[in-house]
Amino acid sequence: MLDDVKPVVKIFLASPGGRGKPFCGPGMVNLLEAINETGNVRRACESMQISYSKGWKLLNSLEAWLMYPVTERRQGGRGGGEAHLNEMGADFLKKHRAFEADCRQAVRVLFDKYYVNE
């Protein structure tokens, strides 16, 4: 019956001081990866089909909560600027992806316990 069913896990980090509003979720993490891949915030936003202003809001929200920058940026002229994850940003992304993987595994174990191995 549940052979073709699997749990889906989306991780959001929220601060109690932010009234439960997430400061980091799948979109933020994907944006960090896209910035690292494209080397540019605008191109990263375009690849994700989000507005440039939304991308900056996501970055500013994350950096405000972490209290450190996650990217190194250089403003550009005609060719546009550059942005790459700095060491702290890369470390945050690596830890977050590992945390997500562990959460998915834990949820899968619980799903099997309650739905598959009854």
PDB file of N, CA and C in Angstrom:
ATOM      1  N   MET A   1       0.815  -1.196   0.000  1.00  0.00           N
ATOM      2  CA  MET A   1       0.000   0.000   0.000  1.00  0.00           C
ATOM      3  C   MET A   1       0.864   1.267   0.000  1.00  0.00           C
ATOM      4  N   LEU A   2       1.874   1.302   0.858  1.00  0.00           N
ATOM      5  CA  LEU A   2       2.732   2.486   0.938  1.00  0.00           C
ATOM      6  C   LEU A   2       4.078   2.266   0.259  1.00  0.00           C
ATOM      7  N   ASP A   3       4.148   1.278  -0.634  1.00  0.00           N
ATOM      8  CA  ASP A   3       5.417   0.982  -1.288  1.00  0.00           C
ATOM      9  C   ASP A   3       5.940   2.149  -2.113  1.00  0.00           C
ATOM     10  N   ASP A   4       5.052   2.917  -2.694  1.00  0.00           N
ATOM     11  CA  ASP A   4       5.480   4.027  -3.539  1.00  0.00           C
ATOM     12  C   ASP A   4       5.366   5.381  -2.838  1.00  0.00           C
ATOM     13  N   VAL A   5       5.263   5.357  -1.514  1.00  0.00           N
ATOM     14  CA  VAL A   5       5.148   6.581  -0.721  1.00  0.00           C
ATOM     15  C   VAL A   5       6.458   6.805   0.026  1.00  0.00           C
ATOM     16  N   LYS A   6       6.868   8.039   0.074  1.00  0.00           N
ATOM     17  CA  LYS A   6       8.057   8.382   0.856  1.00  0.00           C
ATOM     18  C   LYS A   6       7.824   9.715   1.553  1.00  0.00           C
ATOM     19  N   PRO A   7       8.422   9.896   2.697  1.00  0.00           N
ATOM     20  CA  PRO A   7       8.282  11.183   3.383  1.00  0.00           C
ATOM     21  C   PRO A   7       9.137  12.240   2.696  1.00  0.00           C
ATOM     22  N   VAL A   8       8.664  13.462   2.715  1.00  0.00           N
ATOM     23  CA  VAL A   8       9.398  14.586   2.144  1.00  0.00           C
ATOM     24  C   VAL A   8       9.734  15.530   3.290  1.00  0.00           C
ATOM     25  N   VAL A   9      10.987  15.889   3.386  1.00  0.00           N
ATOM     26  CA  VAL A   9      11.453  16.733   4.480  1.00  0.00           C
ATOM     27  C   VAL A   9      11.997  18.034   3.918  1.00  0.00           C
ATOM     28  N   LYS A  10      11.482  19.146   4.419  1.00  0.00           N
ATOM     29  CA  LYS A  10      12.024  20.471   4.106  1.00  0.00           C
ATOM     30  C   LYS A  10      12.433  21.097   5.425  1.00  0.00           C
ATOM     31  N   ILE A  11      13.685  21.478   5.514  1.00  0.00           N
ATOM     32  CA  ILE A  11      14.226  22.027   6.754  1.00  0.00           C
ATOM     33  C   ILE A  11      14.209  23.557   6.701  1.00  0.00           C
ATOM     34  N   PHE A  12      13.651  24.142   7.731  1.00  0.00           N
ATOM     35  CA  PHE A  12      13.661  25.587   7.902  1.00  0.00           C
ATOM     36  C   PHE A  12      14.260  25.881   9.271  1.00  0.00           C
ATOM     37  N   LEU A  13      15.114  26.874   9.340  1.00  0.00           N
ATOM     38  CA  LEU A  13      15.653  27.330  10.613  1.00  0.00           C
ATOM     39  C   LEU A  13      14.973  28.645  10.955  1.00  0.00           C
ATOM     40  N   ALA A  14      14.470  28.720  12.182  1.00  0.00           N
ATOM     41  CA  ALA A  14      13.777  29.925  12.625  1.00  0.00           C
ATOM     42  C   ALA A  14      14.314  30.324  13.988  1.00  0.00           C
ATOM     43  N   SER A  15      14.304  31.602  14.234  1.00  0.00           N
ATOM     44  CA  SER A  15      14.772  32.142  15.502  1.00  0.00           C
ATOM     45  C   SER A  15      13.579  32.538  16.356  1.00  0.00           C
ATOM     46  N   PRO A  16      13.579  32.159  17.634  1.00  0.00           N
ATOM     47  CA  PRO A  16      12.473  32.579  18.493  1.00  0.00           C
ATOM     48  C   PRO A  16      12.294  34.096  18.513  1.00  0.00           C
ATOM     49  N   GLY A  17      13.387  34.828  18.406  1.00  0.00           N
ATOM     50  CA  GLY A  17      13.303  36.288  18.386  1.00  0.00           C
ATOM     51  C   GLY A  17      12.664  36.818  17.113  1.00  0.00           C
ATOM     52  N   GLY A  18      12.624  35.981  16.071  1.00  0.00           N
ATOM     53  CA  GLY A  18      12.023  36.377  14.807  1.00  0.00           C
ATOM     54  C   GLY A  18      10.577  35.948  14.706  1.00  0.00           C
ATOM     55  N   ARG A  19       9.960  35.667  15.854  1.00  0.00           N
ATOM     56  CA  ARG A  19       8.554  35.241  15.934  1.00  0.00           C
ATOM     57  C   ARG A  19       8.289  34.017  15.067  1.00  0.00           C
ATOM     58  N   GLY A  20       9.277  33.137  15.000  1.00  0.00           N
ATOM     59  CA  GLY A  20       9.103  31.899  14.267  1.00  0.00           C
ATOM     60  C   GLY A  20       9.299  32.013  12.769  1.00  0.00           C
ATOM     61  N   LYS A  21       9.583  33.220  12.283  1.00  0.00           N
ATOM     62  CA  LYS A  21       9.789  33.399  10.848  1.00  0.00           C
ATOM     63  C   LYS A  21      11.142  32.794  10.458  1.00  0.00           C
ATOM     64  N   PRO A  22      11.151  31.895   9.462  1.00  0.00           N
ATOM     65  CA  PRO A  22      12.418  31.265   9.070  1.00  0.00           C
ATOM     66  C   PRO A  22      13.413  32.269   8.500  1.00  0.00           C
ATOM     67  N   PHE A  23      14.673  32.072   8.838  1.00  0.00           N
ATOM     68  CA  PHE A  23      15.736  32.870   8.245  1.00  0.00           C
ATOM     69  C   PHE A  23      16.555  32.022   7.280  1.00  0.00           C
ATOM     70  N   CYS A  24      16.316  30.714   7.295  1.00  0.00           N
ATOM     71  CA  CYS A  24      17.036  29.834   6.381  1.00  0.00           C
ATOM     72  C   CYS A  24      16.142  28.650   6.044  1.00  0.00           C
ATOM     73  N   GLY A  25      15.938  28.435   4.767  1.00  0.00           N
ATOM     74  CA  GLY A  25      15.150  27.310   4.292  1.00  0.00           C
ATOM     75  C   GLY A  25      15.735  26.809   2.985  1.00  0.00           C
ATOM     76  N   PRO A  26      15.008  25.961   2.287  1.00  0.00           N
ATOM     77  CA  PRO A  26      15.523  25.406   1.036  1.00  0.00           C
ATOM     78  C   PRO A  26      15.923  26.474   0.015  1.00  0.00           C
ATOM     79  N   GLY A  27      15.158  27.545  -0.083  1.00  0.00           N
ATOM     80  CA  GLY A  27      15.488  28.603  -1.033  1.00  0.00           C
ATOM     81  C   GLY A  27      16.811  29.278  -0.711  1.00  0.00           C
ATOM     82  N   MET A  28      17.046  29.540   0.562  1.00  0.00           N
ATOM     83  CA  MET A  28      18.291  30.179   0.982  1.00  0.00           C
ATOM     84  C   MET A  28      19.485  29.286   0.676  1.00  0.00           C
ATOM     85  N   VAL A  29      19.336  28.020   0.990  1.00  0.00           N
ATOM     86  CA  VAL A  29      20.434  27.083   0.771  1.00  0.00           C
ATOM     87  C   VAL A  29      20.705  26.936  -0.732  1.00  0.00           C
ATOM     88  N   ASN A  30      19.649  26.862  -1.520  1.00  0.00           N
ATOM     89  CA  ASN A  30      19.824  26.786  -2.977  1.00  0.00           C
ATOM     90  C   ASN A  30      20.478  28.052  -3.519  1.00  0.00           C
ATOM     91  N   LEU A  31      20.139  29.200  -2.935  1.00  0.00           N
ATOM     92  CA  LEU A  31      20.751  30.455  -3.366  1.00  0.00           C
ATOM     93  C   LEU A  31      22.250  30.449  -3.074  1.00  0.00           C
ATOM     94  N   LEU A  32      22.642  29.983  -1.904  1.00  0.00           N
ATOM     95  CA  LEU A  32      24.075  29.906  -1.579  1.00  0.00           C
ATOM     96  C   LEU A  32      24.804  29.027  -2.586  1.00  0.00           C
ATOM     97  N   GLU A  33      24.204  27.900  -2.918  1.00  0.00           N
ATOM     98  CA  GLU A  33      24.835  27.011  -3.892  1.00  0.00           C
ATOM     99  C   GLU A  33      24.904  27.670  -5.270  1.00  0.00           C
ATOM    100  N   ALA A  34      23.837  28.353  -5.658  1.00  0.00           N
ATOM    101  CA  ALA A  34      23.813  29.014  -6.969  1.00  0.00           C
ATOM    102  C   ALA A  34      24.831  30.148  -7.040  1.00  0.00           C
ATOM    103  N   ILE A  35      25.005  30.880  -5.947  1.00  0.00           N
ATOM    104  CA  ILE A  35      26.014  31.946  -5.919  1.00  0.00           C
ATOM    105  C   ILE A  35      27.397  31.342  -6.106  1.00  0.00           C
ATOM    106  N   ASN A  36      27.629  30.244  -5.417  1.00  0.00           N
ATOM    107  CA  ASN A  36      28.934  29.602  -5.532  1.00  0.00           C
ATOM    108  C   ASN A  36      29.171  29.079  -6.947  1.00  0.00           C
ATOM    109  N   GLU A  37      28.121  28.578  -7.592  1.00  0.00           N
ATOM    110  CA  GLU A  37      28.262  28.027  -8.939  1.00  0.00           C
ATOM    111  C   GLU A  37      28.400  29.116 -10.004  1.00  0.00           C
ATOM    112  N   THR A  38      27.643  30.196  -9.861  1.00  0.00           N
ATOM    113  CA  THR A  38      27.636  31.226 -10.903  1.00  0.00           C
ATOM    114  C   THR A  38      28.655  32.328 -10.662  1.00  0.00           C
ATOM    115  N   GLY A  39      29.029  32.524  -9.397  1.00  0.00           N
ATOM    116  CA  GLY A  39      29.962  33.599  -9.071  1.00  0.00           C
ATOM    117  C   GLY A  39      29.326  34.977  -9.103  1.00  0.00           C
ATOM    118  N   ASN A  40      27.986  35.013  -9.045  1.00  0.00           N
ATOM    119  CA  ASN A  40      27.296  36.292  -9.182  1.00  0.00           C
ATOM    120  C   ASN A  40      25.897  36.176  -8.568  1.00  0.00           C
ATOM    121  N   VAL A  41      25.511  37.139  -7.754  1.00  0.00           N
ATOM    122  CA  VAL A  41      24.200  37.096  -7.105  1.00  0.00           C
ATOM    123  C   VAL A  41      23.075  37.214  -8.129  1.00  0.00           C
ATOM    124  N   ARG A  42      23.218  38.111  -9.069  1.00  0.00           N
ATOM    125  CA  ARG A  42      22.161  38.300 -10.071  1.00  0.00           C
ATOM    126  C   ARG A  42      21.950  37.024 -10.886  1.00  0.00           C
ATOM    127  N   ARG A  43      23.033  36.423 -11.366  1.00  0.00           N
ATOM    128  CA  ARG A  43      22.903  35.195 -12.156  1.00  0.00           C
ATOM    129  C   ARG A  43      22.353  34.053 -11.296  1.00  0.00           C
ATOM    130  N   ALA A  44      22.734  34.013 -10.032  1.00  0.00           N
ATOM    131  CA  ALA A  44      22.205  32.985  -9.130  1.00  0.00           C
ATOM    132  C   ALA A  44      20.695  33.136  -8.994  1.00  0.00           C
ATOM    133  N   CYS A  45      20.243  34.374  -8.811  1.00  0.00           N
ATOM    134  CA  CYS A  45      18.805  34.637  -8.695  1.00  0.00           C
ATOM    135  C   CYS A  45      18.078  34.269  -9.989  1.00  0.00           C
ATOM    136  N   GLU A  46      18.669  34.625 -11.115  1.00  0.00           N
ATOM    137  CA  GLU A  46      18.051  34.285 -12.401  1.00  0.00           C
ATOM    138  C   GLU A  46      17.939  32.777 -12.574  1.00  0.00           C
ATOM    139  N   SER A  47      18.979  32.050 -12.175  1.00  0.00           N
ATOM    140  CA  SER A  47      18.948  30.590 -12.326  1.00  0.00           C
ATOM    141  C   SER A  47      17.867  29.952 -11.462  1.00  0.00           C
ATOM    142  N   MET A  48      17.527  30.634 -10.373  1.00  0.00           N
ATOM    143  CA  MET A  48      16.484  30.131  -9.472  1.00  0.00           C
ATOM    144  C   MET A  48      15.121  30.726  -9.800  1.00  0.00           C
ATOM    145  N   GLN A  49      15.088  31.638 -10.731  1.00  0.00           N
ATOM    146  CA  GLN A  49      13.866  32.336 -11.113  1.00  0.00           C
ATOM    147  C   GLN A  49      13.247  33.086  -9.926  1.00  0.00           C
ATOM    148  N   ILE A  50      14.119  33.784  -9.186  1.00  0.00           N
ATOM    149  CA  ILE A  50      13.654  34.680  -8.128  1.00  0.00           C
ATOM    150  C   ILE A  50      14.196  36.065  -8.447  1.00  0.00           C
ATOM    151  N   SER A  51      13.567  37.070  -7.893  1.00  0.00           N
ATOM    152  CA  SER A  51      14.019  38.429  -8.168  1.00  0.00           C
ATOM    153  C   SER A  51      15.348  38.698  -7.456  1.00  0.00           C
ATOM    154  N   TYR A  52      16.086  39.609  -8.038  1.00  0.00           N
ATOM    155  CA  TYR A  52      17.359  40.029  -7.466  1.00  0.00           C
ATOM    156  C   TYR A  52      17.152  40.594  -6.063  1.00  0.00           C
ATOM    157  N   SER A  53      16.100  41.373  -5.891  1.00  0.00           N
ATOM    158  CA  SER A  53      15.836  41.960  -4.568  1.00  0.00           C
ATOM    159  C   SER A  53      15.494  40.873  -3.551  1.00  0.00           C
ATOM    160  N   LYS A  54      14.758  39.853  -3.962  1.00  0.00           N
ATOM    161  CA  LYS A  54      14.450  38.752  -3.037  1.00  0.00           C
ATOM    162  C   LYS A  54      15.726  38.016  -2.650  1.00  0.00           C
ATOM    163  N   GLY A  55      16.612  37.817  -3.612  1.00  0.00           N
ATOM    164  CA  GLY A  55      17.891  37.168  -3.315  1.00  0.00           C
ATOM    165  C   GLY A  55      18.674  37.929  -2.262  1.00  0.00           C
ATOM    166  N   TRP A  56      18.716  39.253  -2.411  1.00  0.00           N
ATOM    167  CA  TRP A  56      19.426  40.068  -1.430  1.00  0.00           C
ATOM    168  C   TRP A  56      18.735  40.032  -0.068  1.00  0.00           C
ATOM    169  N   LYS A  57      17.404  40.007  -0.061  1.00  0.00           N
ATOM    170  CA  LYS A  57      16.684  39.908   1.213  1.00  0.00           C
ATOM    171  C   LYS A  57      17.026  38.600   1.914  1.00  0.00           C
ATOM    172  N   LEU A  58      17.080  37.521   1.166  1.00  0.00           N
ATOM    173  CA  LEU A  58      17.443  36.225   1.747  1.00  0.00           C
ATOM    174  C   LEU A  58      18.850  36.271   2.329  1.00  0.00           C
ATOM    175  N   LEU A  59      19.786  36.784   1.546  1.00  0.00           N
ATOM    176  CA  LEU A  59      21.173  36.870   2.025  1.00  0.00           C
ATOM    177  C   LEU A  59      21.289  37.751   3.264  1.00  0.00           C
ATOM    178  N   ASN A  60      20.660  38.912   3.228  1.00  0.00           N
ATOM    179  CA  ASN A  60      20.739  39.828   4.364  1.00  0.00           C
ATOM    180  C   ASN A  60      20.117  39.225   5.615  1.00  0.00           C
ATOM    181  N   SER A  61      19.028  38.501   5.452  1.00  0.00           N
ATOM    182  CA  SER A  61      18.378  37.853   6.589  1.00  0.00           C
ATOM    183  C   SER A  61      19.292  36.799   7.213  1.00  0.00           C
ATOM    184  N   LEU A  62      19.898  35.980   6.377  1.00  0.00           N
ATOM    185  CA  LEU A  62      20.801  34.944   6.881  1.00  0.00           C
ATOM    186  C   LEU A  62      22.000  35.564   7.578  1.00  0.00           C
ATOM    187  N   GLU A  63      22.614  36.543   6.933  1.00  0.00           N
ATOM    188  CA  GLU A  63      23.801  37.161   7.517  1.00  0.00           C
ATOM    189  C   GLU A  63      23.480  37.917   8.803  1.00  0.00           C
ATOM    190  N   ALA A  64      22.313  38.496   8.897  1.00  0.00           N
ATOM    191  CA  ALA A  64      21.924  39.187  10.134  1.00  0.00           C
ATOM    192  C   ALA A  64      21.788  38.183  11.270  1.00  0.00           C
ATOM    193  N   TRP A  65      21.200  37.042  10.985  1.00  0.00           N
ATOM    194  CA  TRP A  65      21.035  36.040  12.031  1.00  0.00           C
ATOM    195  C   TRP A  65      22.374  35.424  12.419  1.00  0.00           C
ATOM    196  N   LEU A  66      23.187  35.080  11.417  1.00  0.00           N
ATOM    197  CA  LEU A  66      24.490  34.468  11.701  1.00  0.00           C
ATOM    198  C   LEU A  66      25.464  35.473  12.312  1.00  0.00           C
ATOM    199  N   MET A  67      25.257  36.738  12.021  1.00  0.00           N
ATOM    200  CA  MET A  67      26.115  37.837  12.471  1.00  0.00           C
ATOM    201  C   MET A  67      27.510  37.770  11.839  1.00  0.00           C
ATOM    202  N   TYR A  68      27.549  37.249  10.624  1.00  0.00           N
ATOM    203  CA  TYR A  68      28.773  37.306   9.832  1.00  0.00           C
ATOM    204  C   TYR A  68      28.397  37.156   8.356  1.00  0.00           C
ATOM    205  N   PRO A  69      29.229  37.704   7.467  1.00  0.00           N
ATOM    206  CA  PRO A  69      28.940  37.572   6.041  1.00  0.00           C
ATOM    207  C   PRO A  69      29.213  36.146   5.572  1.00  0.00           C
ATOM    208  N   VAL A  70      28.435  35.690   4.596  1.00  0.00           N
ATOM    209  CA  VAL A  70      28.630  34.345   4.044  1.00  0.00           C
ATOM    210  C   VAL A  70      29.231  34.404   2.641  1.00  0.00           C
ATOM    211  N   THR A  71      29.315  35.602   2.086  1.00  0.00           N
ATOM    212  CA  THR A  71      29.885  35.756   0.750  1.00  0.00           C
ATOM    213  C   THR A  71      30.964  36.816   0.745  1.00  0.00           C
ATOM    214  N   GLU A  72      31.833  36.699  -0.246  1.00  0.00           N
ATOM    215  CA  GLU A  72      32.770  37.764  -0.576  1.00  0.00           C
ATOM    216  C   GLU A  72      32.235  38.367  -1.859  1.00  0.00           C
ATOM    217  N   ARG A  73      32.079  39.672  -1.868  1.00  0.00           N
ATOM    218  CA  ARG A  73      31.455  40.337  -3.011  1.00  0.00           C
ATOM    219  C   ARG A  73      32.345  41.447  -3.547  1.00  0.00           C
ATOM    220  N   ARG A  74      32.281  41.592  -4.846  1.00  0.00           N
ATOM    221  CA  ARG A  74      32.957  42.711  -5.489  1.00  0.00           C
ATOM    222  C   ARG A  74      31.959  43.335  -6.434  1.00  0.00           C
ATOM    223  N   GLN A  75      31.684  44.621  -6.199  1.00  0.00           N
ATOM    224  CA  GLN A  75      30.745  45.324  -7.076  1.00  0.00           C
ATOM    225  C   GLN A  75      31.329  45.396  -8.471  1.00  0.00           C
ATOM    226  N   GLY A  76      30.444  45.320  -9.430  1.00  0.00           N
ATOM    227  CA  GLY A  76      30.900  45.334 -10.813  1.00  0.00           C
ATOM    228  C   GLY A  76      30.407  46.535 -11.571  1.00  0.00           C
ATOM    229  N   GLY A  77      30.920  46.643 -12.723  1.00  0.00           N
ATOM    230  CA  GLY A  77      30.491  47.694 -13.629  1.00  0.00           C
ATOM    231  C   GLY A  77      29.722  47.065 -14.766  1.00  0.00           C
ATOM    232  N   ARG A  78      30.249  47.183 -15.962  1.00  0.00           N
ATOM    233  CA  ARG A  78      29.578  46.642 -17.140  1.00  0.00           C
ATOM    234  C   ARG A  78      29.377  45.134 -17.076  1.00  0.00           C
ATOM    235  N   GLY A  79      30.392  44.423 -16.662  1.00  0.00           N
ATOM    236  CA  GLY A  79      30.316  42.963 -16.647  1.00  0.00           C
ATOM    237  C   GLY A  79      29.601  42.408 -15.433  1.00  0.00           C
ATOM    238  N   GLY A  80      29.215  43.252 -14.511  1.00  0.00           N
ATOM    239  CA  GLY A  80      28.557  42.794 -13.297  1.00  0.00           C
ATOM    240  C   GLY A  80      29.577  42.493 -12.220  1.00  0.00           C
ATOM    241  N   GLY A  81      29.095  42.273 -11.031  1.00  0.00           N
ATOM    242  CA  GLY A  81      29.978  42.012  -9.908  1.00  0.00           C
ATOM    243  C   GLY A  81      30.249  40.533  -9.753  1.00  0.00           C
ATOM    244  N   GLU A  82      30.956  40.224  -8.700  1.00  0.00           N
ATOM    245  CA  GLU A  82      31.268  38.846  -8.376  1.00  0.00           C
ATOM    246  C   GLU A  82      30.843  38.574  -6.942  1.00  0.00           C
ATOM    247  N   ALA A  83      30.495  37.349  -6.687  1.00  0.00           N
ATOM    248  CA  ALA A  83      30.179  36.914  -5.330  1.00  0.00           C
ATOM    249  C   ALA A  83      30.496  35.427  -5.229  1.00  0.00           C
ATOM    250  N   HIS A  84      31.144  35.060  -4.157  1.00  0.00           N
ATOM    251  CA  HIS A  84      31.464  33.665  -3.882  1.00  0.00           C
ATOM    252  C   HIS A  84      31.287  33.438  -2.387  1.00  0.00           C
ATOM    253  N   LEU A  85      31.002  32.213  -2.016  1.00  0.00           N
ATOM    254  CA  LEU A  85      30.926  31.920  -0.590  1.00  0.00           C
ATOM    255  C   LEU A  85      32.302  32.087   0.014  1.00  0.00           C
ATOM    256  N   ASN A  86      32.342  32.747   1.155  1.00  0.00           N
ATOM    257  CA  ASN A  86      33.601  32.826   1.877  1.00  0.00           C
ATOM    258  C   ASN A  86      33.748  31.535   2.698  1.00  0.00           C
ATOM    259  N   GLU A  87      34.797  31.432   3.465  1.00  0.00           N
ATOM    260  CA  GLU A  87      35.051  30.205   4.235  1.00  0.00           C
ATOM    261  C   GLU A  87      33.913  29.906   5.209  1.00  0.00           C
ATOM    262  N   MET A  88      33.418  30.926   5.892  1.00  0.00           N
ATOM    263  CA  MET A  88      32.322  30.712   6.847  1.00  0.00           C
ATOM    264  C   MET A  88      31.032  30.330   6.131  1.00  0.00           C
ATOM    265  N   GLY A  89      30.780  30.932   4.972  1.00  0.00           N
ATOM    266  CA  GLY A  89      29.592  30.592   4.200  1.00  0.00           C
ATOM    267  C   GLY A  89      29.655  29.163   3.686  1.00  0.00           C
ATOM    268  N   ALA A  90      30.817  28.772   3.178  1.00  0.00           N
ATOM    269  CA  ALA A  90      30.990  27.404   2.683  1.00  0.00           C
ATOM    270  C   ALA A  90      30.835  26.404   3.830  1.00  0.00           C
ATOM    271  N   ASP A  91      31.356  26.746   4.996  1.00  0.00           N
ATOM    272  CA  ASP A  91      31.234  25.867   6.166  1.00  0.00           C
ATOM    273  C   ASP A  91      29.772  25.756   6.601  1.00  0.00           C
ATOM    274  N   PHE A  92      29.054  26.881   6.622  1.00  0.00           N
ATOM    275  CA  PHE A  92      27.638  26.857   6.971  1.00  0.00           C
ATOM    276  C   PHE A  92      26.868  25.969   6.002  1.00  0.00           C
ATOM    277  N   LEU A  93      27.113  26.132   4.701  1.00  0.00           N
ATOM    278  CA  LEU A  93      26.414  25.346   3.691  1.00  0.00           C
ATOM    279  C   LEU A  93      26.712  23.861   3.843  1.00  0.00           C
ATOM    280  N   LYS A  94      27.958  23.525   4.058  1.00  0.00           N
ATOM    281  CA  LYS A  94      28.354  22.122   4.219  1.00  0.00           C
ATOM    282  C   LYS A  94      27.655  21.502   5.434  1.00  0.00           C
ATOM    283  N   LYS A  95      27.677  22.207   6.558  1.00  0.00           N
ATOM    284  CA  LYS A  95      27.028  21.701   7.774  1.00  0.00           C
ATOM    285  C   LYS A  95      25.517  21.585   7.586  1.00  0.00           C
ATOM    286  N   HIS A  96      24.929  22.574   6.917  1.00  0.00           N
ATOM    287  CA  HIS A  96      23.478  22.551   6.729  1.00  0.00           C
ATOM    288  C   HIS A  96      23.063  21.383   5.834  1.00  0.00           C
ATOM    289  N   ARG A  97      23.802  21.143   4.776  1.00  0.00           N
ATOM    290  CA  ARG A  97      23.486  20.016   3.893  1.00  0.00           C
ATOM    291  C   ARG A  97      23.637  18.690   4.635  1.00  0.00           C
ATOM    292  N   ALA A  98      24.645  18.563   5.483  1.00  0.00           N
ATOM    293  CA  ALA A  98      24.815  17.342   6.279  1.00  0.00           C
ATOM    294  C   ALA A  98      23.663  17.193   7.269  1.00  0.00           C
ATOM    295  N   PHE A  99      23.261  18.296   7.882  1.00  0.00           N
ATOM    296  CA  PHE A  99      22.118  18.284   8.808  1.00  0.00           C
ATOM    297  C   PHE A  99      20.852  17.836   8.088  1.00  0.00           C
ATOM    298  N   GLU A 100      20.614  18.370   6.884  1.00  0.00           N
ATOM    299  CA  GLU A 100      19.446  17.977   6.097  1.00  0.00           C
ATOM    300  C   GLU A 100      19.465  16.476   5.790  1.00  0.00           C
ATOM    301  N   ALA A 101      20.627  15.973   5.409  1.00  0.00           N
ATOM    302  CA  ALA A 101      20.743  14.547   5.086  1.00  0.00           C
ATOM    303  C   ALA A 101      20.446  13.690   6.307  1.00  0.00           C
ATOM    304  N   ASP A 102      20.967  14.101   7.463  1.00  0.00           N
ATOM    305  CA  ASP A 102      20.691  13.358   8.694  1.00  0.00           C
ATOM    306  C   ASP A 102      19.207  13.419   9.052  1.00  0.00           C
ATOM    307  N   CYS A 103      18.584  14.561   8.851  1.00  0.00           N
ATOM    308  CA  CYS A 103      17.150  14.695   9.129  1.00  0.00           C
ATOM    309  C   CYS A 103      16.334  13.802   8.210  1.00  0.00           C
ATOM    310  N   ARG A 104      16.678  13.780   6.926  1.00  0.00           N
ATOM    311  CA  ARG A 104      15.952  12.911   5.987  1.00  0.00           C
ATOM    312  C   ARG A 104      16.091  11.445   6.380  1.00  0.00           C
ATOM    313  N   GLN A 105      17.288  11.049   6.778  1.00  0.00           N
ATOM    314  CA  GLN A 105      17.515   9.663   7.193  1.00  0.00           C
ATOM    315  C   GLN A 105      16.701   9.338   8.444  1.00  0.00           C
ATOM    316  N   ALA A 106      16.696  10.231   9.415  1.00  0.00           N
ATOM    317  CA  ALA A 106      15.938  10.000  10.655  1.00  0.00           C
ATOM    318  C   ALA A 106      14.442   9.901  10.357  1.00  0.00           C
ATOM    319  N   VAL A 107      13.949  10.762   9.492  1.00  0.00           N
ATOM    320  CA  VAL A 107      12.529  10.719   9.132  1.00  0.00           C
ATOM    321  C   VAL A 107      12.210   9.421   8.394  1.00  0.00           C
ATOM    322  N   ARG A 108      13.119   8.978   7.544  1.00  0.00           N
ATOM    323  CA  ARG A 108      12.900   7.716   6.818  1.00  0.00           C
ATOM    324  C   ARG A 108      12.808   6.549   7.795  1.00  0.00           C
ATOM    325  N   VAL A 109      13.676   6.531   8.802  1.00  0.00           N
ATOM    326  CA  VAL A 109      13.638   5.474   9.820  1.00  0.00           C
ATOM    327  C   VAL A 109      12.301   5.504  10.556  1.00  0.00           C
ATOM    328  N   LEU A 110      11.857   6.696  10.940  1.00  0.00           N
ATOM    329  CA  LEU A 110      10.576   6.820  11.633  1.00  0.00           C
ATOM    330  C   LEU A 110       9.411   6.447  10.727  1.00  0.00           C
ATOM    331  N   PHE A 111       9.479   6.843   9.464  1.00  0.00           N
ATOM    332  CA  PHE A 111       8.435   6.479   8.515  1.00  0.00           C
ATOM    333  C   PHE A 111       8.335   4.956   8.406  1.00  0.00           C
ATOM    334  N   ASP A 112       9.474   4.305   8.247  1.00  0.00           N
ATOM    335  CA  ASP A 112       9.474   2.843   8.159  1.00  0.00           C
ATOM    336  C   ASP A 112       8.909   2.213   9.435  1.00  0.00           C
ATOM    337  N   LYS A 113       9.270   2.777  10.579  1.00  0.00           N
ATOM    338  CA  LYS A 113       8.783   2.240  11.859  1.00  0.00           C
ATOM    339  C   LYS A 113       7.267   2.322  11.941  1.00  0.00           C
ATOM    340  N   TYR A 114       6.697   3.445  11.554  1.00  0.00           N
ATOM    341  CA  TYR A 114       5.263   3.660  11.748  1.00  0.00           C
ATOM    342  C   TYR A 114       4.391   3.215  10.575  1.00  0.00           C
ATOM    343  N   TYR A 115       4.936   3.151   9.378  1.00  0.00           N
ATOM    344  CA  TYR A 115       4.100   2.857   8.220  1.00  0.00           C
ATOM    345  C   TYR A 115       4.473   1.583   7.471  1.00  0.00           C
ATOM    346  N   VAL A 116       5.754   1.240   7.478  1.00  0.00           N
ATOM    347  CA  VAL A 116       6.187   0.101   6.672  1.00  0.00           C
ATOM    348  C   VAL A 116       6.311  -1.159   7.511  1.00  0.00           C
ATOM    349  N   ASN A 117       6.962  -1.053   8.637  1.00  0.00           N
ATOM    350  CA  ASN A 117       7.214  -2.235   9.477  1.00  0.00           C
ATOM    351  C   ASN A 117       6.223  -2.366  10.609  1.00  0.00           C
ATOM    352  N   GLU A 118       4.973  -2.245  10.281  1.00  0.00           N
ATOM    353  CA  GLU A 118       3.929  -2.333  11.322  1.00  0.00           C
ATOM    354  C   GLU A 118       3.792  -3.763  11.797  1.00  0.00           C
TER     355      GLU A 118
END
